[in-house]
Amino acid sequence: MPVPADPHPAFQDYAHPERVVSASWLSARIGVPGLRIVESDEDSLLYDIGHIPTAVRIDWQRDLNDPITRDFIDGAGFAALMRSKGISRDDTVVVYGDKSNGWAAYTLWVFQLFGHKDVRLLDGGRDAWMAEERDTSFTVPSYPPSDYPVVERNDDAGRAFVEEVLGAACSAKTMLIDVRGIDHYTGEIRQLPTQNQAEKSALRAGHIPTAINIAWENAVYPNNNFRGHAELERQYHSLDPAQPTIVYSHLGDRSAHTWFVLKYLLGFQNVRNYDGSWAEWGNMIRMPITIGGES
C-alpha cells in the first residue's frame, strides 16, 4: 500500500504534489512499512560517509547500465536489482542524491521506465538533508530479498532516441530544450567542470539545431529545493505544456531533472528525456550542430 503523500503547503500547487517529499516528512517516516529510501549520487562514495538511515545505494553507472551495450539493464536485471535492495513492486520509493538531485532524478526516471508506480524525490536532496543536520547513518541496511516481478522496460512514453531528436530538429512540431549552461550551449566550453571522466567525452561543442537553452538549475533555489509553482511557470513561460517536448543535457542526468520538473511539477503532457544527450550527439559523424546563440 502506498505511503500517503506529503501535505507540505509548498507542494500543493504543483501538478503532481505527490511526487515530492520534504526532509521533515521523510524524517518522521523512516522505517515505515512499505517505504524504501534510495540514495543515488554522482559521487557514489558519498553514501559511505553518511546517508539517511535505512537508505540503500543505487549507483547509476554500475547498477542501472548494461555492462555490454550502451543501454539500461533489461527487465530481468531491474527485477534482480530491486530484489537485492529489498524493494517490492508496490513500495513507495523516495530517491535523493547530491548536486540538486541530478542523478537522483535520473534514477527516478529509470524507475518510471519500468513502470514503478510510486517513486518520489526528496526536495533538496542530500545537500538539504545535511544542511538541516538531520540524522545520518553508516550502517548499510540488509533487507530480505523481495519478490519484485520481471517487468519489461517501456521507453515509449519517457525516452527519446537520436533518430527522433534529429526529426525534431527538422520540424517545428517538437520543442527541443538544452538544459546545460549557456557556455556549453553556445559551444564556448566543451567539457563539464567535473572529475567524472564519463562526462568529458564530447568531441564537438555547440547544441542541437532549433534547441533553446533553459538551464536545469533554474528550477531550484540556491539551497537545492525546487522553486515554487509560480516561479517555475515564469522560468518555462516560453514552452507550451501541450506541445511534445524533448530535453537533453550532457549525459541525460540533468535533463532527467528538467523532465521531472516539466512532467510532475508543471504538468506537461508529453515530455521525454534524450538520455544519449550531447555525449552521443556531439560524437556522431555528420550530425548537425549549431554554435553560438539560440537558433
Protein backbone atom coordinates (compact mmCIF):
# COMPACT_ATOMS: atom_id res chain seq x y z
CA MET A 1 0.00 0.00 0.00
CA PRO A 2 1.46 3.42 -0.97
CA VAL A 3 2.50 5.75 1.81
CA PRO A 4 0.26 8.87 1.96
CA ALA A 5 1.60 11.95 0.17
CA ASP A 6 3.42 14.76 1.91
CA PRO A 7 0.84 17.54 2.63
CA HIS A 8 3.53 20.25 2.73
CA PRO A 9 1.82 23.52 1.65
CA ALA A 10 4.71 24.45 -0.66
CA PHE A 11 3.99 21.43 -2.84
CA GLN A 12 0.26 21.74 -3.27
CA ASP A 13 0.35 24.00 -6.34
CA TYR A 14 2.45 21.51 -8.28
CA ALA A 15 0.70 19.45 -10.93
CA HIS A 16 1.64 16.27 -9.03
CA PRO A 17 2.49 17.20 -5.44
CA GLU A 18 2.56 13.52 -4.51
CA ARG A 19 5.88 13.18 -6.35
CA VAL A 20 7.87 15.35 -3.91
CA VAL A 21 8.56 14.91 -0.20
CA SER A 22 10.17 17.21 2.34
CA ALA A 23 13.01 16.31 4.68
CA SER A 24 10.72 16.69 7.70
CA TRP A 25 8.12 14.34 6.21
CA LEU A 26 10.74 11.72 5.38
CA SER A 27 12.49 12.02 8.71
CA ALA A 28 9.23 11.28 10.52
CA ARG A 29 8.59 8.16 8.42
CA ILE A 30 11.93 6.38 8.39
CA GLY A 31 11.23 2.69 8.96
CA VAL A 32 7.56 2.85 7.97
CA PRO A 33 6.48 -0.40 6.27
CA GLY A 34 6.17 0.00 2.51
CA LEU A 35 8.66 2.88 2.34
CA ARG A 36 12.11 2.42 0.81
CA ILE A 37 14.73 5.17 0.57
CA VAL A 38 17.31 5.18 -2.22
CA GLU A 39 20.44 7.33 -2.44
CA SER A 40 21.78 7.87 -5.95
CA ASP A 41 24.68 10.31 -6.30
CA GLU A 42 27.04 11.50 -9.00
CA ASP A 43 29.77 10.60 -6.49
CA SER A 44 28.62 7.20 -5.23
CA LEU A 45 31.22 7.24 -2.43
CA LEU A 46 29.23 9.91 -0.58
CA TYR A 47 26.94 7.16 0.66
CA ASP A 48 29.85 5.69 2.64
CA ILE A 49 30.45 8.85 4.66
CA GLY A 50 26.87 9.03 5.94
CA HIS A 51 23.44 8.52 4.46
CA ILE A 52 19.80 8.76 5.51
CA PRO A 53 19.07 5.91 7.92
CA THR A 54 17.64 2.80 6.17
CA ALA A 55 18.63 4.15 2.71
CA VAL A 56 20.13 1.78 0.14
CA ARG A 57 22.54 2.88 -2.56
CA ILE A 58 21.87 2.62 -6.29
CA ASP A 59 24.91 3.51 -8.36
CA TRP A 60 23.60 4.98 -11.64
CA GLN A 61 26.66 3.83 -13.59
CA ARG A 62 27.19 0.38 -12.10
CA ASP A 63 23.64 -0.69 -11.24
CA LEU A 64 21.42 0.80 -13.95
CA ASN A 65 23.53 0.34 -17.07
CA ASP A 66 24.12 -2.79 -19.08
CA PRO A 67 27.87 -3.62 -18.96
CA ILE A 68 27.97 -4.57 -22.65
CA THR A 69 25.51 -2.36 -24.54
CA ARG A 70 25.11 1.39 -24.15
CA ASP A 71 21.66 0.95 -22.70
CA PHE A 72 19.92 0.33 -19.43
CA ILE A 73 19.54 -3.05 -17.80
CA ASP A 74 16.58 -5.09 -19.00
CA GLY A 75 13.53 -6.22 -17.07
CA ALA A 76 15.29 -9.21 -15.54
CA GLY A 77 18.22 -7.03 -14.48
CA PHE A 78 15.98 -4.40 -12.92
CA ALA A 79 13.98 -7.05 -11.06
CA ALA A 80 17.21 -8.57 -9.74
CA LEU A 81 18.39 -5.14 -8.57
CA MET A 82 15.11 -4.42 -6.81
CA ARG A 83 15.10 -7.85 -5.15
CA SER A 84 18.66 -7.34 -3.91
CA LYS A 85 17.68 -3.98 -2.38
CA GLY A 86 14.53 -5.38 -0.75
CA ILE A 87 12.25 -3.16 -2.84
CA SER A 88 8.80 -4.53 -3.70
CA ARG A 89 6.71 -3.53 -6.70
CA ASP A 90 4.11 -1.75 -4.54
CA ASP A 91 6.60 0.06 -2.27
CA THR A 92 6.78 3.83 -2.09
CA VAL A 93 10.34 4.68 -3.13
CA VAL A 94 11.91 8.03 -2.21
CA VAL A 95 15.08 8.87 -4.14
CA TYR A 96 17.61 11.53 -3.20
CA GLY A 97 21.17 12.44 -4.14
CA ASP A 98 23.87 15.06 -4.37
CA LYS A 99 24.08 18.13 -6.60
CA SER A 100 20.42 19.14 -6.53
CA ASN A 101 19.20 15.59 -7.21
CA GLY A 102 20.62 15.41 -10.74
CA TRP A 103 21.39 11.69 -10.74
CA ALA A 104 18.58 11.00 -8.28
CA ALA A 105 16.13 12.36 -10.88
CA TYR A 106 17.80 10.14 -13.48
CA THR A 107 17.33 7.11 -11.23
CA LEU A 108 13.69 8.05 -10.66
CA TRP A 109 13.27 8.36 -14.43
CA VAL A 110 14.62 4.82 -14.91
CA PHE A 111 12.17 3.55 -12.27
CA GLN A 112 9.43 5.17 -14.34
CA LEU A 113 10.60 3.40 -17.50
CA PHE A 114 9.95 0.15 -15.65
CA GLY A 115 6.53 1.36 -14.55
CA HIS A 116 7.17 1.56 -10.80
CA LYS A 117 4.05 3.43 -9.76
CA ASP A 118 5.08 5.30 -6.63
CA VAL A 119 8.54 6.86 -6.79
CA ARG A 120 9.25 10.33 -5.38
CA LEU A 121 12.10 12.83 -4.98
CA LEU A 122 13.31 14.28 -1.71
CA ASP A 123 13.12 18.05 -2.14
CA GLY A 124 16.65 19.45 -1.92
CA GLY A 125 18.26 16.04 -1.94
CA ARG A 126 21.28 15.03 0.07
CA ASP A 127 22.58 18.58 0.50
CA ALA A 128 19.33 19.82 2.02
CA TRP A 129 19.22 16.87 4.42
CA MET A 130 22.78 17.52 5.56
CA ALA A 131 22.24 21.28 5.81
CA GLU A 132 19.38 20.65 8.25
CA GLU A 133 21.73 18.43 10.30
CA ARG A 134 19.32 15.53 10.23
CA ASP A 135 20.28 12.04 11.34
CA THR A 136 22.69 10.06 9.18
CA SER A 137 23.94 6.51 9.39
CA PHE A 138 26.98 4.48 8.31
CA THR A 139 25.03 1.24 8.51
CA VAL A 140 24.32 -0.43 5.18
CA PRO A 141 20.86 -1.98 5.62
CA SER A 142 20.29 -5.59 4.66
CA TYR A 143 16.70 -6.34 3.70
CA PRO A 144 15.20 -9.73 2.88
CA PRO A 145 15.08 -10.21 -0.90
CA SER A 146 11.78 -9.04 -2.36
CA ASP A 147 9.68 -10.81 -4.97
CA TYR A 148 9.87 -7.96 -7.47
CA PRO A 149 8.44 -9.21 -10.78
CA VAL A 150 10.18 -9.04 -14.15
CA VAL A 151 8.61 -6.10 -15.99
CA GLU A 152 9.92 -5.14 -19.39
CA ARG A 153 11.11 -1.58 -19.77
CA ASN A 154 8.81 0.76 -21.69
CA ASP A 155 10.83 3.50 -23.37
CA ASP A 156 7.99 4.92 -25.43
CA ALA A 157 6.47 7.46 -23.05
CA GLY A 158 9.54 8.98 -21.41
CA ARG A 159 12.59 8.35 -23.57
CA ALA A 160 13.75 9.82 -26.88
CA PHE A 161 16.36 8.35 -29.24
CA VAL A 162 18.70 10.09 -31.65
CA GLU A 163 16.55 9.46 -34.75
CA GLU A 164 13.57 11.12 -33.08
CA VAL A 165 15.70 14.05 -31.95
CA LEU A 166 17.04 14.51 -35.47
CA GLY A 167 13.47 14.55 -36.73
CA ALA A 168 12.53 17.11 -34.10
CA ALA A 169 15.45 19.31 -35.11
CA CYS A 170 14.00 19.42 -38.63
CA SER A 171 10.43 20.13 -37.54
CA ALA A 172 8.59 22.74 -35.52
CA LYS A 173 6.23 20.15 -34.06
CA THR A 174 8.51 19.13 -31.18
CA MET A 175 10.31 21.52 -28.83
CA LEU A 176 13.96 20.75 -28.02
CA ILE A 177 15.35 22.01 -24.71
CA ASP A 178 19.08 22.08 -23.97
CA VAL A 179 19.40 22.25 -20.18
CA ARG A 180 23.18 22.74 -20.00
CA GLY A 181 24.81 26.02 -19.04
CA ILE A 182 24.86 28.77 -21.64
CA ASP A 183 28.61 28.38 -22.34
CA HIS A 184 28.15 24.74 -23.26
CA TYR A 185 25.06 25.55 -25.29
CA THR A 186 26.87 28.18 -27.35
CA GLY A 187 29.95 26.00 -27.72
CA GLU A 188 32.34 28.24 -25.79
CA ILE A 189 33.05 25.35 -23.39
CA ARG A 190 33.24 21.73 -24.50
CA GLN A 191 33.78 19.84 -21.24
CA LEU A 192 31.87 19.94 -17.99
CA PRO A 193 33.73 21.10 -14.87
CA THR A 194 33.75 17.64 -13.30
CA GLN A 195 36.12 14.92 -12.22
CA ASN A 196 33.86 12.30 -13.80
CA GLN A 197 35.69 11.09 -16.91
CA ALA A 198 32.42 9.85 -18.43
CA GLU A 199 31.36 13.48 -18.75
CA LYS A 200 34.46 14.52 -20.71
CA SER A 201 33.52 12.69 -23.86
CA ALA A 202 32.16 15.10 -26.47
CA LEU A 203 34.46 15.83 -29.43
CA ARG A 204 32.41 18.79 -30.65
CA ALA A 205 30.79 21.73 -28.88
CA GLY A 206 27.54 23.57 -29.52
CA HIS A 207 23.91 22.48 -29.45
CA ILE A 208 21.31 20.62 -31.47
CA PRO A 209 19.75 22.85 -34.15
CA THR A 210 16.46 24.51 -33.10
CA ALA A 211 17.05 23.71 -29.40
CA ILE A 212 16.53 26.53 -26.94
CA ASN A 213 18.53 26.88 -23.75
CA ILE A 214 16.91 26.77 -20.31
CA ALA A 215 19.50 25.75 -17.74
CA TRP A 216 18.34 22.94 -15.47
CA GLU A 217 19.46 24.70 -12.27
CA ASN A 218 16.95 27.48 -12.93
CA ALA A 219 14.37 25.14 -11.38
CA VAL A 220 15.95 25.17 -7.91
CA TYR A 221 16.86 27.69 -5.23
CA PRO A 222 20.46 28.06 -4.00
CA ASN A 223 19.59 25.60 -1.21
CA ASN A 224 18.71 22.99 -3.90
CA ASN A 225 14.97 22.95 -3.12
CA PHE A 226 12.55 23.22 -6.04
CA ARG A 227 11.20 26.67 -6.81
CA GLY A 228 7.51 27.22 -6.26
CA HIS A 229 4.98 26.60 -9.00
CA ALA A 230 4.56 30.27 -9.94
CA GLU A 231 8.32 30.78 -10.26
CA LEU A 232 8.68 27.63 -12.34
CA GLU A 233 5.96 28.84 -14.68
CA ARG A 234 7.96 32.03 -15.20
CA GLN A 235 11.16 30.08 -15.83
CA TYR A 236 9.47 27.96 -18.51
CA HIS A 237 6.97 30.53 -19.83
CA SER A 238 8.21 30.15 -23.41
CA LEU A 239 7.13 26.48 -23.54
CA ASP A 240 3.72 25.04 -24.38
CA PRO A 241 2.72 22.28 -21.92
CA ALA A 242 0.68 20.59 -24.66
CA GLN A 243 3.48 20.55 -27.25
CA PRO A 244 5.71 17.45 -27.50
CA THR A 245 8.98 18.31 -25.77
CA ILE A 246 12.39 16.60 -25.67
CA VAL A 247 15.03 17.61 -23.13
CA TYR A 248 18.74 16.82 -23.19
CA SER A 249 21.92 17.63 -21.29
CA HIS A 250 25.37 16.01 -21.50
CA LEU A 251 24.68 12.53 -20.14
CA GLY A 252 20.94 12.71 -19.53
CA ASP A 253 21.00 13.27 -15.76
CA ARG A 254 20.34 17.00 -15.65
CA SER A 255 17.77 16.65 -18.41
CA ALA A 256 16.07 13.95 -16.31
CA HIS A 257 15.83 16.62 -13.59
CA THR A 258 14.15 19.02 -16.05
CA TRP A 259 11.94 16.17 -17.29
CA PHE A 260 10.78 15.70 -13.70
CA VAL A 261 10.10 19.42 -13.29
CA LEU A 262 8.13 19.71 -16.52
CA LYS A 263 6.16 16.49 -16.09
CA TYR A 264 5.39 16.39 -12.39
CA LEU A 265 5.69 19.96 -11.16
CA LEU A 266 4.27 21.81 -14.19
CA GLY A 267 2.10 19.06 -15.69
CA PHE A 268 3.50 18.88 -19.23
CA GLN A 269 1.56 16.27 -21.17
CA ASN A 270 4.29 14.91 -23.46
CA VAL A 271 7.89 15.37 -22.34
CA ARG A 272 10.71 12.90 -22.96
CA ASN A 273 14.35 12.70 -21.97
CA TYR A 274 17.03 12.17 -24.63
CA ASP A 275 19.49 10.32 -22.40
CA GLY A 276 22.03 9.92 -25.22
CA SER A 277 22.27 13.71 -24.95
CA TRP A 278 25.33 15.66 -26.05
CA ALA A 279 27.73 12.81 -25.24
CA GLU A 280 26.11 10.93 -28.13
CA TRP A 281 25.16 13.78 -30.46
CA GLY A 282 28.48 15.62 -30.18
CA ASN A 283 30.41 12.49 -31.15
CA MET A 284 28.34 11.37 -34.14
CA ILE A 285 29.75 11.80 -37.64
CA ARG A 286 27.92 14.41 -39.77
CA MET A 287 25.34 15.14 -37.10
CA PRO A 288 24.28 18.80 -37.46
CA ILE A 289 25.19 21.21 -34.71
CA THR A 290 24.74 24.91 -34.09
CA ILE A 291 27.39 27.10 -32.46
CA GLY A 292 26.53 30.43 -30.92
CA GLY A 293 23.24 31.86 -29.69
CA GLU A 294 19.75 30.41 -29.87
CA SER A 295 18.57 29.02 -33.20
